[in-house]
Amino acid sequence: MISAPSPSPLAPPASGPPPRDAALWRAAQDLETAFLAEMLAAAGLGTARESFGGGAGEEQFASFLRREQADAMVQNGGIGLAESLYEALKENDDV
């Protein structure tokens, strides 16, 4: 008998938040996305390179690229920050 693999610690919640907390979950994901976008910027992702030759346009649109890449990371499990933020927001919402 083959057992189901255990979920990855970076996997999104299996069932997701209940519908009434969907706005809190989205807010938590948005915060994680913003955090990751800043970390990608600090790591130098999207900085202009002489070899690429994107010029001023490359610099102008680099933030959009980082934001989309950070959002893709969050949608695929992220680093778990959204889950922690969601729990904190949920506690404050219940008060």
PDB file of N, CA and C in Angstrom:
ATOM      1  N   MET A   1       0.837  -1.175   0.000  1.00  0.00           N
ATOM      2  CA  MET A   1       0.000   0.000   0.000  1.00  0.00           C
ATOM      3  C   MET A   1       0.885   1.243   0.000  1.00  0.00           C
ATOM      4  N   ILE A   2       0.621   2.153  -0.896  1.00  0.00           N
ATOM      5  CA  ILE A   2       1.399   3.380  -1.012  1.00  0.00           C
ATOM      6  C   ILE A   2       0.699   4.463  -0.208  1.00  0.00           C
ATOM      7  N   SER A   3       1.461   5.101   0.666  1.00  0.00           N
ATOM      8  CA  SER A   3       0.877   6.181   1.461  1.00  0.00           C
ATOM      9  C   SER A   3       1.080   7.505   0.733  1.00  0.00           C
ATOM     10  N   ALA A   4       0.188   8.436   1.036  1.00  0.00           N
ATOM     11  CA  ALA A   4       0.274   9.753   0.419  1.00  0.00           C
ATOM     12  C   ALA A   4       1.486  10.490   0.967  1.00  0.00           C
ATOM     13  N   PRO A   5       2.173  11.249   0.116  1.00  0.00           N
ATOM     14  CA  PRO A   5       3.334  11.993   0.592  1.00  0.00           C
ATOM     15  C   PRO A   5       2.908  13.071   1.581  1.00  0.00           C
ATOM     16  N   SER A   6       3.779  13.336   2.537  1.00  0.00           N
ATOM     17  CA  SER A   6       3.463  14.378   3.506  1.00  0.00           C
ATOM     18  C   SER A   6       3.593  15.735   2.833  1.00  0.00           C
ATOM     19  N   PRO A   7       2.772  16.710   3.249  1.00  0.00           N
ATOM     20  CA  PRO A   7       2.823  18.016   2.595  1.00  0.00           C
ATOM     21  C   PRO A   7       4.143  18.718   2.895  1.00  0.00           C
ATOM     22  N   SER A   8       4.604  19.461   1.936  1.00  0.00           N
ATOM     23  CA  SER A   8       5.835  20.233   2.084  1.00  0.00           C
ATOM     24  C   SER A   8       5.605  21.350   3.091  1.00  0.00           C
ATOM     25  N   PRO A   9       6.614  21.706   3.892  1.00  0.00           N
ATOM     26  CA  PRO A   9       6.429  22.807   4.835  1.00  0.00           C
ATOM     27  C   PRO A   9       6.204  24.146   4.133  1.00  0.00           C
ATOM     28  N   LEU A  10       6.550  24.222   2.854  1.00  0.00           N
ATOM     29  CA  LEU A  10       6.335  25.458   2.109  1.00  0.00           C
ATOM     30  C   LEU A  10       5.056  25.438   1.288  1.00  0.00           C
ATOM     31  N   ALA A  11       4.304  24.336   1.382  1.00  0.00           N
ATOM     32  CA  ALA A  11       3.077  24.219   0.603  1.00  0.00           C
ATOM     33  C   ALA A  11       1.991  25.111   1.185  1.00  0.00           C
ATOM     34  N   PRO A  12       1.089  25.626   0.349  1.00  0.00           N
ATOM     35  CA  PRO A  12      -0.014  26.440   0.853  1.00  0.00           C
ATOM     36  C   PRO A  12      -0.949  25.579   1.691  1.00  0.00           C
ATOM     37  N   PRO A  13      -1.747  26.192   2.548  1.00  0.00           N
ATOM     38  CA  PRO A  13      -2.666  25.418   3.366  1.00  0.00           C
ATOM     39  C   PRO A  13      -3.546  24.528   2.502  1.00  0.00           C
ATOM     40  N   ALA A  14      -3.768  23.299   2.966  1.00  0.00           N
ATOM     41  CA  ALA A  14      -4.507  22.312   2.179  1.00  0.00           C
ATOM     42  C   ALA A  14      -5.919  22.774   1.864  1.00  0.00           C
ATOM     43  N   SER A  15      -6.634  23.222   2.855  1.00  0.00           N
ATOM     44  CA  SER A  15      -8.025  23.590   2.625  1.00  0.00           C
ATOM     45  C   SER A  15      -8.201  25.084   2.429  1.00  0.00           C
ATOM     46  N   GLY A  16      -7.202  25.869   2.765  1.00  0.00           N
ATOM     47  CA  GLY A  16      -7.314  27.307   2.656  1.00  0.00           C
ATOM     48  C   GLY A  16      -8.187  27.862   3.768  1.00  0.00           C
ATOM     49  N   PRO A  17      -8.257  29.162   3.864  1.00  0.00           N
ATOM     50  CA  PRO A  17      -9.050  29.760   4.929  1.00  0.00           C
ATOM     51  C   PRO A  17     -10.545  29.617   4.654  1.00  0.00           C
ATOM     52  N   PRO A  18     -11.351  29.647   5.684  1.00  0.00           N
ATOM     53  CA  PRO A  18     -12.801  29.624   5.451  1.00  0.00           C
ATOM     54  C   PRO A  18     -13.202  30.853   4.634  1.00  0.00           C
ATOM     55  N   PRO A  19     -14.291  30.792   3.898  1.00  0.00           N
ATOM     56  CA  PRO A  19     -14.694  31.906   3.035  1.00  0.00           C
ATOM     57  C   PRO A  19     -14.816  33.245   3.767  1.00  0.00           C
ATOM     58  N   ARG A  20     -15.259  33.234   5.019  1.00  0.00           N
ATOM     59  CA  ARG A  20     -15.440  34.504   5.724  1.00  0.00           C
ATOM     60  C   ARG A  20     -14.115  35.212   6.004  1.00  0.00           C
ATOM     61  N   ASP A  21     -13.001  34.462   5.955  1.00  0.00           N
ATOM     62  CA  ASP A  21     -11.692  35.041   6.200  1.00  0.00           C
ATOM     63  C   ASP A  21     -10.878  35.203   4.921  1.00  0.00           C
ATOM     64  N   ALA A  22     -11.513  35.126   3.787  1.00  0.00           N
ATOM     65  CA  ALA A  22     -10.799  35.217   2.510  1.00  0.00           C
ATOM     66  C   ALA A  22     -10.094  36.563   2.359  1.00  0.00           C
ATOM     67  N   ALA A  23     -10.705  37.639   2.845  1.00  0.00           N
ATOM     68  CA  ALA A  23     -10.078  38.959   2.739  1.00  0.00           C
ATOM     69  C   ALA A  23      -8.813  39.033   3.590  1.00  0.00           C
ATOM     70  N   LEU A  24      -8.844  38.412   4.773  1.00  0.00           N
ATOM     71  CA  LEU A  24      -7.657  38.388   5.631  1.00  0.00           C
ATOM     72  C   LEU A  24      -6.547  37.568   4.978  1.00  0.00           C
ATOM     73  N   TRP A  25      -6.913  36.440   4.377  1.00  0.00           N
ATOM     74  CA  TRP A  25      -5.918  35.590   3.715  1.00  0.00           C
ATOM     75  C   TRP A  25      -5.265  36.337   2.553  1.00  0.00           C
ATOM     76  N   ARG A  26      -6.072  37.050   1.769  1.00  0.00           N
ATOM     77  CA  ARG A  26      -5.526  37.814   0.635  1.00  0.00           C
ATOM     78  C   ARG A  26      -4.607  38.925   1.136  1.00  0.00           C
ATOM     79  N   ALA A  27      -5.001  39.589   2.232  1.00  0.00           N
ATOM     80  CA  ALA A  27      -4.161  40.645   2.800  1.00  0.00           C
ATOM     81  C   ALA A  27      -2.823  40.074   3.265  1.00  0.00           C
ATOM     82  N   ALA A  28      -2.856  38.906   3.892  1.00  0.00           N
ATOM     83  CA  ALA A  28      -1.622  38.259   4.350  1.00  0.00           C
ATOM     84  C   ALA A  28      -0.739  37.896   3.166  1.00  0.00           C
ATOM     85  N   GLN A  29      -1.338  37.393   2.098  1.00  0.00           N
ATOM     86  CA  GLN A  29      -0.568  37.061   0.900  1.00  0.00           C
ATOM     87  C   GLN A  29       0.028  38.320   0.268  1.00  0.00           C
ATOM     88  N   ASP A  30      -0.745  39.398   0.244  1.00  0.00           N
ATOM     89  CA  ASP A  30      -0.244  40.656  -0.319  1.00  0.00           C
ATOM     90  C   ASP A  30       0.954  41.175   0.476  1.00  0.00           C
ATOM     91  N   LEU A  31       0.890  41.040   1.801  1.00  0.00           N
ATOM     92  CA  LEU A  31       2.014  41.472   2.634  1.00  0.00           C
ATOM     93  C   LEU A  31       3.252  40.617   2.380  1.00  0.00           C
ATOM     94  N   GLU A  32       3.063  39.300   2.232  1.00  0.00           N
ATOM     95  CA  GLU A  32       4.202  38.436   1.939  1.00  0.00           C
ATOM     96  C   GLU A  32       4.779  38.774   0.557  1.00  0.00           C
ATOM     97  N   THR A  33       3.917  39.059  -0.395  1.00  0.00           N
ATOM     98  CA  THR A  33       4.372  39.431  -1.738  1.00  0.00           C
ATOM     99  C   THR A  33       5.210  40.698  -1.686  1.00  0.00           C
ATOM    100  N   ALA A  34       4.744  41.704  -0.950  1.00  0.00           N
ATOM    101  CA  ALA A  34       5.491  42.957  -0.828  1.00  0.00           C
ATOM    102  C   ALA A  34       6.851  42.719  -0.165  1.00  0.00           C
ATOM    103  N   PHE A  35       6.863  41.880   0.870  1.00  0.00           N
ATOM    104  CA  PHE A  35       8.112  41.566   1.559  1.00  0.00           C
ATOM    105  C   PHE A  35       9.092  40.880   0.611  1.00  0.00           C
ATOM    106  N   LEU A  36       8.610  39.869  -0.106  1.00  0.00           N
ATOM    107  CA  LEU A  36       9.487  39.140  -1.017  1.00  0.00           C
ATOM    108  C   LEU A  36       9.979  40.028  -2.160  1.00  0.00           C
ATOM    109  N   ALA A  37       9.132  40.925  -2.648  1.00  0.00           N
ATOM    110  CA  ALA A  37       9.553  41.844  -3.716  1.00  0.00           C
ATOM    111  C   ALA A  37      10.691  42.730  -3.232  1.00  0.00           C
ATOM    112  N   GLU A  38      10.610  43.190  -1.992  1.00  0.00           N
ATOM    113  CA  GLU A  38      11.690  44.003  -1.432  1.00  0.00           C
ATOM    114  C   GLU A  38      12.968  43.189  -1.263  1.00  0.00           C
ATOM    115  N   MET A  39      12.819  41.940  -0.860  1.00  0.00           N
ATOM    116  CA  MET A  39      13.994  41.078  -0.702  1.00  0.00           C
ATOM    117  C   MET A  39      14.642  40.787  -2.058  1.00  0.00           C
ATOM    118  N   LEU A  40      13.827  40.598  -3.075  1.00  0.00           N
ATOM    119  CA  LEU A  40      14.367  40.387  -4.423  1.00  0.00           C
ATOM    120  C   LEU A  40      15.099  41.632  -4.916  1.00  0.00           C
ATOM    121  N   ALA A  41      14.560  42.807  -4.592  1.00  0.00           N
ATOM    122  CA  ALA A  41      15.222  44.053  -4.976  1.00  0.00           C
ATOM    123  C   ALA A  41      16.563  44.186  -4.258  1.00  0.00           C
ATOM    124  N   ALA A  42      16.580  43.849  -2.967  1.00  0.00           N
ATOM    125  CA  ALA A  42      17.825  43.933  -2.199  1.00  0.00           C
ATOM    126  C   ALA A  42      18.861  42.942  -2.721  1.00  0.00           C
ATOM    127  N   ALA A  43      18.388  41.826  -3.268  1.00  0.00           N
ATOM    128  CA  ALA A  43      19.300  40.826  -3.823  1.00  0.00           C
ATOM    129  C   ALA A  43      19.802  41.217  -5.212  1.00  0.00           C
ATOM    130  N   GLY A  44      19.244  42.283  -5.772  1.00  0.00           N
ATOM    131  CA  GLY A  44      19.718  42.767  -7.062  1.00  0.00           C
ATOM    132  C   GLY A  44      18.940  42.252  -8.259  1.00  0.00           C
ATOM    133  N   LEU A  45      17.825  41.569  -8.036  1.00  0.00           N
ATOM    134  CA  LEU A  45      17.029  41.084  -9.151  1.00  0.00           C
ATOM    135  C   LEU A  45      16.393  42.259  -9.885  1.00  0.00           C
ATOM    136  N   GLY A  46      16.550  42.294 -11.164  1.00  0.00           N
ATOM    137  CA  GLY A  46      15.949  43.344 -11.972  1.00  0.00           C
ATOM    138  C   GLY A  46      16.788  44.597 -12.103  1.00  0.00           C
ATOM    139  N   THR A  47      18.019  44.567 -11.610  1.00  0.00           N
ATOM    140  CA  THR A  47      18.877  45.740 -11.785  1.00  0.00           C
ATOM    141  C   THR A  47      19.375  45.786 -13.226  1.00  0.00           C
ATOM    142  N   ALA A  48      19.568  46.974 -13.709  1.00  0.00           N
ATOM    143  CA  ALA A  48      20.006  47.147 -15.097  1.00  0.00           C
ATOM    144  C   ALA A  48      21.394  46.547 -15.293  1.00  0.00           C
ATOM    145  N   ARG A  49      21.568  45.895 -16.416  1.00  0.00           N
ATOM    146  CA  ARG A  49      22.858  45.292 -16.753  1.00  0.00           C
ATOM    147  C   ARG A  49      23.299  45.837 -18.115  1.00  0.00           C
ATOM    148  N   GLU A  50      24.556  46.140 -18.215  1.00  0.00           N
ATOM    149  CA  GLU A  50      25.065  46.667 -19.478  1.00  0.00           C
ATOM    150  C   GLU A  50      24.938  45.648 -20.600  1.00  0.00           C
ATOM    151  N   SER A  51      25.089  44.368 -20.260  1.00  0.00           N
ATOM    152  CA  SER A  51      25.057  43.345 -21.299  1.00  0.00           C
ATOM    153  C   SER A  51      23.646  43.117 -21.851  1.00  0.00           C
ATOM    154  N   PHE A  52      22.629  43.412 -21.050  1.00  0.00           N
ATOM    155  CA  PHE A  52      21.257  43.190 -21.509  1.00  0.00           C
ATOM    156  C   PHE A  52      20.793  44.321 -22.409  1.00  0.00           C
ATOM    157  N   GLY A  53      21.181  45.535 -22.087  1.00  0.00           N
ATOM    158  CA  GLY A  53      20.883  46.670 -22.946  1.00  0.00           C
ATOM    159  C   GLY A  53      19.465  47.172 -22.888  1.00  0.00           C
ATOM    160  N   GLY A  54      18.793  47.025 -21.760  1.00  0.00           N
ATOM    161  CA  GLY A  54      17.408  47.465 -21.629  1.00  0.00           C
ATOM    162  C   GLY A  54      17.251  48.958 -21.469  1.00  0.00           C
ATOM    163  N   GLY A  55      18.306  49.645 -21.121  1.00  0.00           N
ATOM    164  CA  GLY A  55      18.273  51.097 -20.979  1.00  0.00           C
ATOM    165  C   GLY A  55      17.356  51.561 -19.861  1.00  0.00           C
ATOM    166  N   ALA A  56      16.812  52.753 -20.022  1.00  0.00           N
ATOM    167  CA  ALA A  56      15.958  53.351 -18.995  1.00  0.00           C
ATOM    168  C   ALA A  56      14.681  52.555 -18.792  1.00  0.00           C
ATOM    169  N   GLY A  57      14.164  51.965 -19.838  1.00  0.00           N
ATOM    170  CA  GLY A  57      12.938  51.173 -19.725  1.00  0.00           C
ATOM    171  C   GLY A  57      13.103  49.977 -18.823  1.00  0.00           C
ATOM    172  N   GLU A  58      14.283  49.385 -18.873  1.00  0.00           N
ATOM    173  CA  GLU A  58      14.558  48.232 -18.022  1.00  0.00           C
ATOM    174  C   GLU A  58      14.461  48.626 -16.551  1.00  0.00           C
ATOM    175  N   GLU A  59      15.021  49.762 -16.214  1.00  0.00           N
ATOM    176  CA  GLU A  59      14.975  50.236 -14.838  1.00  0.00           C
ATOM    177  C   GLU A  59      13.549  50.583 -14.423  1.00  0.00           C
ATOM    178  N   GLN A  60      12.773  51.153 -15.317  1.00  0.00           N
ATOM    179  CA  GLN A  60      11.411  51.577 -14.992  1.00  0.00           C
ATOM    180  C   GLN A  60      10.496  50.395 -14.701  1.00  0.00           C
ATOM    181  N   PHE A  61      10.677  49.288 -15.382  1.00  0.00           N
ATOM    182  CA  PHE A  61       9.765  48.159 -15.247  1.00  0.00           C
ATOM    183  C   PHE A  61      10.293  47.032 -14.362  1.00  0.00           C
ATOM    184  N   ALA A  62      11.479  47.193 -13.797  1.00  0.00           N
ATOM    185  CA  ALA A  62      12.066  46.159 -12.950  1.00  0.00           C
ATOM    186  C   ALA A  62      11.197  45.871 -11.730  1.00  0.00           C
ATOM    187  N   SER A  63      10.558  46.898 -11.160  1.00  0.00           N
ATOM    188  CA  SER A  63       9.718  46.681  -9.973  1.00  0.00           C
ATOM    189  C   SER A  63       8.505  45.820 -10.307  1.00  0.00           C
ATOM    190  N   PHE A  64       7.974  45.961 -11.521  1.00  0.00           N
ATOM    191  CA  PHE A  64       6.839  45.125 -11.930  1.00  0.00           C
ATOM    192  C   PHE A  64       7.259  43.657 -12.025  1.00  0.00           C
ATOM    193  N   LEU A  65       8.432  43.430 -12.563  1.00  0.00           N
ATOM    194  CA  LEU A  65       8.962  42.076 -12.679  1.00  0.00           C
ATOM    195  C   LEU A  65       9.144  41.457 -11.296  1.00  0.00           C
ATOM    196  N   ARG A  66       9.769  42.204 -10.391  1.00  0.00           N
ATOM    197  CA  ARG A  66       9.973  41.687  -9.029  1.00  0.00           C
ATOM    198  C   ARG A  66       8.657  41.390  -8.338  1.00  0.00           C
ATOM    199  N   ARG A  67       7.677  42.277  -8.495  1.00  0.00           N
ATOM    200  CA  ARG A  67       6.370  42.080  -7.856  1.00  0.00           C
ATOM    201  C   ARG A  67       5.700  40.807  -8.388  1.00  0.00           C
ATOM    202  N   GLU A  68       5.729  40.601  -9.686  1.00  0.00           N
ATOM    203  CA  GLU A  68       5.112  39.411 -10.276  1.00  0.00           C
ATOM    204  C   GLU A  68       5.837  38.136  -9.860  1.00  0.00           C
ATOM    205  N   GLN A  69       7.159  38.203  -9.798  1.00  0.00           N
ATOM    206  CA  GLN A  69       7.904  37.022  -9.365  1.00  0.00           C
ATOM    207  C   GLN A  69       7.636  36.722  -7.902  1.00  0.00           C
ATOM    208  N   ALA A  70       7.547  37.749  -7.070  1.00  0.00           N
ATOM    209  CA  ALA A  70       7.230  37.551  -5.654  1.00  0.00           C
ATOM    210  C   ALA A  70       5.825  36.977  -5.501  1.00  0.00           C
ATOM    211  N   ASP A  71       4.873  37.470  -6.291  1.00  0.00           N
ATOM    212  CA  ASP A  71       3.502  36.958  -6.221  1.00  0.00           C
ATOM    213  C   ASP A  71       3.453  35.490  -6.638  1.00  0.00           C
ATOM    214  N   ALA A  72       4.204  35.124  -7.667  1.00  0.00           N
ATOM    215  CA  ALA A  72       4.255  33.723  -8.096  1.00  0.00           C
ATOM    216  C   ALA A  72       4.837  32.842  -6.989  1.00  0.00           C
ATOM    217  N   MET A  73       5.832  33.351  -6.284  1.00  0.00           N
ATOM    218  CA  MET A  73       6.405  32.607  -5.172  1.00  0.00           C
ATOM    219  C   MET A  73       5.354  32.374  -4.082  1.00  0.00           C
ATOM    220  N   VAL A  74       4.598  33.419  -3.750  1.00  0.00           N
ATOM    221  CA  VAL A  74       3.572  33.311  -2.705  1.00  0.00           C
ATOM    222  C   VAL A  74       2.482  32.340  -3.132  1.00  0.00           C
ATOM    223  N   GLN A  75       2.047  32.404  -4.377  1.00  0.00           N
ATOM    224  CA  GLN A  75       0.993  31.514  -4.866  1.00  0.00           C
ATOM    225  C   GLN A  75       1.434  30.053  -4.882  1.00  0.00           C
ATOM    226  N   ASN A  76       2.739  29.826  -4.881  1.00  0.00           N
ATOM    227  CA  ASN A  76       3.266  28.462  -4.870  1.00  0.00           C
ATOM    228  C   ASN A  76       3.815  28.057  -3.505  1.00  0.00           C
ATOM    229  N   GLY A  77       3.351  28.709  -2.452  1.00  0.00           N
ATOM    230  CA  GLY A  77       3.723  28.324  -1.099  1.00  0.00           C
ATOM    231  C   GLY A  77       4.547  29.342  -0.354  1.00  0.00           C
ATOM    232  N   GLY A  78       5.269  30.179  -1.052  1.00  0.00           N
ATOM    233  CA  GLY A  78       6.039  31.233  -0.412  1.00  0.00           C
ATOM    234  C   GLY A  78       7.003  30.725   0.641  1.00  0.00           C
ATOM    235  N   ILE A  79       7.222  31.537   1.644  1.00  0.00           N
ATOM    236  CA  ILE A  79       8.138  31.186   2.729  1.00  0.00           C
ATOM    237  C   ILE A  79       7.398  30.976   4.041  1.00  0.00           C
ATOM    238  N   GLY A  80       6.071  30.962   4.002  1.00  0.00           N
ATOM    239  CA  GLY A  80       5.278  30.727   5.203  1.00  0.00           C
ATOM    240  C   GLY A  80       4.901  31.984   5.953  1.00  0.00           C
ATOM    241  N   LEU A  81       5.325  33.119   5.464  1.00  0.00           N
ATOM    242  CA  LEU A  81       5.024  34.374   6.139  1.00  0.00           C
ATOM    243  C   LEU A  81       3.531  34.687   6.083  1.00  0.00           C
ATOM    244  N   ALA A  82       2.882  34.388   4.973  1.00  0.00           N
ATOM    245  CA  ALA A  82       1.449  34.675   4.837  1.00  0.00           C
ATOM    246  C   ALA A  82       0.641  33.929   5.887  1.00  0.00           C
ATOM    247  N   GLU A  83       1.013  32.696   6.164  1.00  0.00           N
ATOM    248  CA  GLU A  83       0.293  31.912   7.165  1.00  0.00           C
ATOM    249  C   GLU A  83       0.400  32.560   8.548  1.00  0.00           C
ATOM    250  N   SER A  84       1.605  32.994   8.911  1.00  0.00           N
ATOM    251  CA  SER A  84       1.803  33.663  10.205  1.00  0.00           C
ATOM    252  C   SER A  84       1.032  34.975  10.267  1.00  0.00           C
ATOM    253  N   LEU A  85       1.101  35.743   9.185  1.00  0.00           N
ATOM    254  CA  LEU A  85       0.371  37.005   9.139  1.00  0.00           C
ATOM    255  C   LEU A  85      -1.132  36.778   9.210  1.00  0.00           C
ATOM    256  N   TYR A  86      -1.608  35.759   8.515  1.00  0.00           N
ATOM    257  CA  TYR A  86      -3.030  35.437   8.521  1.00  0.00           C
ATOM    258  C   TYR A  86      -3.509  35.129   9.941  1.00  0.00           C
ATOM    259  N   GLU A  87      -2.745  34.307  10.651  1.00  0.00           N
ATOM    260  CA  GLU A  87      -3.124  33.950  12.024  1.00  0.00           C
ATOM    261  C   GLU A  87      -3.150  35.188  12.915  1.00  0.00           C
ATOM    262  N   ALA A  88      -2.169  36.072  12.763  1.00  0.00           N
ATOM    263  CA  ALA A  88      -2.132  37.296  13.564  1.00  0.00           C
ATOM    264  C   ALA A  88      -3.302  38.217  13.227  1.00  0.00           C
ATOM    265  N   LEU A  89      -3.597  38.358  11.941  1.00  0.00           N
ATOM    266  CA  LEU A  89      -4.729  39.197  11.532  1.00  0.00           C
ATOM    267  C   LEU A  89      -6.052  38.607  12.020  1.00  0.00           C
ATOM    268  N   LYS A  90      -6.160  37.291  11.973  1.00  0.00           N
ATOM    269  CA  LYS A  90      -7.381  36.623  12.415  1.00  0.00           C
ATOM    270  C   LYS A  90      -7.598  36.831  13.906  1.00  0.00           C
ATOM    271  N   GLU A  91      -6.520  36.741  14.702  1.00  0.00           N
ATOM    272  CA  GLU A  91      -6.641  36.985  16.136  1.00  0.00           C
ATOM    273  C   GLU A  91      -7.123  38.404  16.416  1.00  0.00           C
ATOM    274  N   ASN A  92      -6.547  39.375  15.721  1.00  0.00           N
ATOM    275  CA  ASN A  92      -6.939  40.773  15.921  1.00  0.00           C
ATOM    276  C   ASN A  92      -8.344  41.041  15.413  1.00  0.00           C
ATOM    277  N   ASP A  93      -8.777  40.316  14.388  1.00  0.00           N
ATOM    278  CA  ASP A  93     -10.116  40.505  13.833  1.00  0.00           C
ATOM    279  C   ASP A  93     -11.186  39.986  14.788  1.00  0.00           C
ATOM    280  N   ASP A  94     -10.842  38.962  15.576  1.00  0.00           N
ATOM    281  CA  ASP A  94     -11.798  38.362  16.508  1.00  0.00           C
ATOM    282  C   ASP A  94     -11.998  39.222  17.744  1.00  0.00           C
ATOM    283  N   VAL A  95     -11.103  40.165  18.005  1.00  0.00           N
ATOM    284  CA  VAL A  95     -11.180  40.980  19.227  1.00  0.00           C
ATOM    285  C   VAL A  95     -12.248  42.025  19.118  1.00  0.00           C
TER     286      VAL A  95
END
